C-alpha atoms as a PDB file:
ATOM      1  CA  UNK A   1     -24.722   8.698  -0.640  1.00  0.00           C
ATOM      2  CA  UNK A   2     -21.978  10.511   1.397  1.00  0.00           C
ATOM      3  CA  UNK A   3     -23.789  13.900   0.753  1.00  0.00           C
ATOM      4  CA  UNK A   4     -27.361  12.387   1.716  1.00  0.00           C
ATOM      5  CA  UNK A   5     -25.352  10.885   4.859  1.00  0.00           C
ATOM      6  CA  UNK A   6     -26.301   7.246   4.485  1.00  0.00           C
ATOM      7  CA  UNK A   7     -22.967   5.811   4.065  1.00  0.00           C
ATOM      8  CA  UNK A   8     -22.779   2.777   6.553  1.00  0.00           C
ATOM      9  CA  UNK A   9     -20.473   0.596   4.946  1.00  0.00           C
ATOM     10  CA  UNK A  10     -17.071   0.857   3.158  1.00  0.00           C
ATOM     11  CA  UNK A  11     -18.852  -1.453   0.256  1.00  0.00           C
ATOM     12  CA  UNK A  12     -21.507   0.038  -1.642  1.00  0.00           C
ATOM     13  CA  UNK A  13     -23.203  -1.549  -4.942  1.00  0.00           C
ATOM     14  CA  UNK A  14     -24.826   0.426  -7.570  1.00  0.00           C
ATOM     15  CA  UNK A  15     -27.344  -1.172  -9.400  1.00  0.00           C
ATOM     16  CA  UNK A  16     -28.162   0.135 -12.930  1.00  0.00           C
ATOM     17  CA  UNK A  17     -31.929   0.431 -14.050  1.00  0.00           C
ATOM     18  CA  UNK A  18     -33.249  -0.359 -17.399  1.00  0.00           C
ATOM     19  CA  UNK A  19     -35.014   2.946 -17.677  1.00  0.00           C
ATOM     20  CA  UNK A  20     -33.261   5.730 -18.968  1.00  0.00           C
ATOM     21  CA  UNK A  21     -33.685   8.801 -20.973  1.00  0.00           C
ATOM     22  CA  UNK A  22     -31.563  10.353 -23.592  1.00  0.00           C
ATOM     23  CA  UNK A  23     -29.477  12.366 -21.021  1.00  0.00           C
ATOM     24  CA  UNK A  24     -29.940  10.202 -17.868  1.00  0.00           C
ATOM     25  CA  UNK A  25     -29.695   6.858 -16.386  1.00  0.00           C
ATOM     26  CA  UNK A  26     -30.870   5.638 -12.861  1.00  0.00           C
ATOM     27  CA  UNK A  27     -28.829   3.671 -10.457  1.00  0.00           C
ATOM     28  CA  UNK A  28     -29.776   2.515  -7.092  1.00  0.00           C
ATOM     29  CA  UNK A  29     -27.073   2.387  -4.183  1.00  0.00           C
ATOM     30  CA  UNK A  30     -27.171  -0.459  -2.136  1.00  0.00           C
ATOM     31  CA  UNK A  31     -25.650  -1.444   1.344  1.00  0.00           C
ATOM     32  CA  UNK A  32     -25.902  -3.928   3.984  1.00  0.00           C
ATOM     33  CA  UNK A  33     -27.636  -6.419   1.451  1.00  0.00           C
ATOM     34  CA  UNK A  34     -30.072  -3.974   0.554  1.00  0.00           C
ATOM     35  CA  UNK A  35     -31.234  -2.474   4.074  1.00  0.00           C
ATOM     36  CA  UNK A  36     -29.794   1.052   3.133  1.00  0.00           C
ATOM     37  CA  UNK A  37     -30.965   2.084  -0.414  1.00  0.00           C
ATOM     38  CA  UNK A  38     -31.587   5.409  -2.426  1.00  0.00           C
ATOM     39  CA  UNK A  39     -32.213   6.022  -6.052  1.00  0.00           C
ATOM     40  CA  UNK A  40     -29.959   8.324  -7.960  1.00  0.00           C
ATOM     41  CA  UNK A  41     -30.625  10.097 -11.591  1.00  0.00           C
ATOM     42  CA  UNK A  42     -26.863  10.737 -13.129  1.00  0.00           C
ATOM     43  CA  UNK A  43     -26.405  13.010 -16.285  1.00  0.00           C
ATOM     44  CA  UNK A  44     -25.291  10.502 -19.016  1.00  0.00           C
ATOM     45  CA  UNK A  45     -25.843  10.627 -22.724  1.00  0.00           C
ATOM     46  CA  UNK A  46     -23.228   7.806 -23.840  1.00  0.00           C
ATOM     47  CA  UNK A  47     -23.858   4.351 -25.064  1.00  0.00           C
ATOM     48  CA  UNK A  48     -26.371   2.599 -23.101  1.00  0.00           C
ATOM     49  CA  UNK A  49     -25.468  -0.884 -24.055  1.00  0.00           C
ATOM     50  CA  UNK A  50     -24.715  -1.963 -20.422  1.00  0.00           C
ATOM     51  CA  UNK A  51     -28.075  -1.392 -19.124  1.00  0.00           C
ATOM     52  CA  UNK A  52     -31.025  -3.881 -19.584  1.00  0.00           C
ATOM     53  CA  UNK A  53     -28.415  -6.762 -18.500  1.00  0.00           C
ATOM     54  CA  UNK A  54     -28.512  -6.329 -14.981  1.00  0.00           C
ATOM     55  CA  UNK A  55     -25.390  -4.470 -14.456  1.00  0.00           C
ATOM     56  CA  UNK A  56     -24.102  -4.012 -10.697  1.00  0.00           C
ATOM     57  CA  UNK A  57     -21.026  -2.341  -9.968  1.00  0.00           C
ATOM     58  CA  UNK A  58     -19.384  -3.123  -6.517  1.00  0.00           C
ATOM     59  CA  UNK A  59     -17.517  -0.231  -5.038  1.00  0.00           C
ATOM     60  CA  UNK A  60     -14.902  -0.749  -2.085  1.00  0.00           C
ATOM     61  CA  UNK A  61     -13.446   1.867   0.103  1.00  0.00           C
ATOM     62  CA  UNK A  62      -9.972   0.832   1.366  1.00  0.00           C
ATOM     63  CA  UNK A  63      -7.561   2.479   3.421  1.00  0.00           C
ATOM     64  CA  UNK A  64      -5.460   4.963   0.646  1.00  0.00           C
ATOM     65  CA  UNK A  65      -7.442   3.355  -2.210  1.00  0.00           C
ATOM     66  CA  UNK A  66     -11.201   2.756  -3.750  1.00  0.00           C
ATOM     67  CA  UNK A  67     -11.771  -0.510  -6.184  1.00  0.00           C
ATOM     68  CA  UNK A  68     -14.641  -0.853  -8.413  1.00  0.00           C
ATOM     69  CA  UNK A  69     -15.762  -4.103 -10.173  1.00  0.00           C
ATOM     70  CA  UNK A  70     -18.642  -5.533 -12.146  1.00  0.00           C
ATOM     71  CA  UNK A  71     -20.633  -8.051  -9.979  1.00  0.00           C
ATOM     72  CA  UNK A  72     -19.690 -11.673 -10.384  1.00  0.00           C
ATOM     73  CA  UNK A  73     -23.333 -12.237 -11.240  1.00  0.00           C
ATOM     74  CA  UNK A  74     -22.776 -10.108 -14.663  1.00  0.00           C
ATOM     75  CA  UNK A  75     -19.876 -12.192 -15.440  1.00  0.00           C
ATOM     76  CA  UNK A  76     -21.734 -15.427 -15.941  1.00  0.00           C
END
């Protein structure tokens, strides 16, 4: 998203699509409650058992560190 010059907040959510190929997965980067969004293709050939469950990873960019966590929605 930084390369695309659309990083507008220090918190970005990445929602993983249920669709995939043998060597790619798809993810949507979301900011501002979805007001800024872009789909990305990621090369990935590992286990895909986390797909199809609405997996969302929230990334927070803070001074001197970056945190990543699974969305609380996925912990129910």
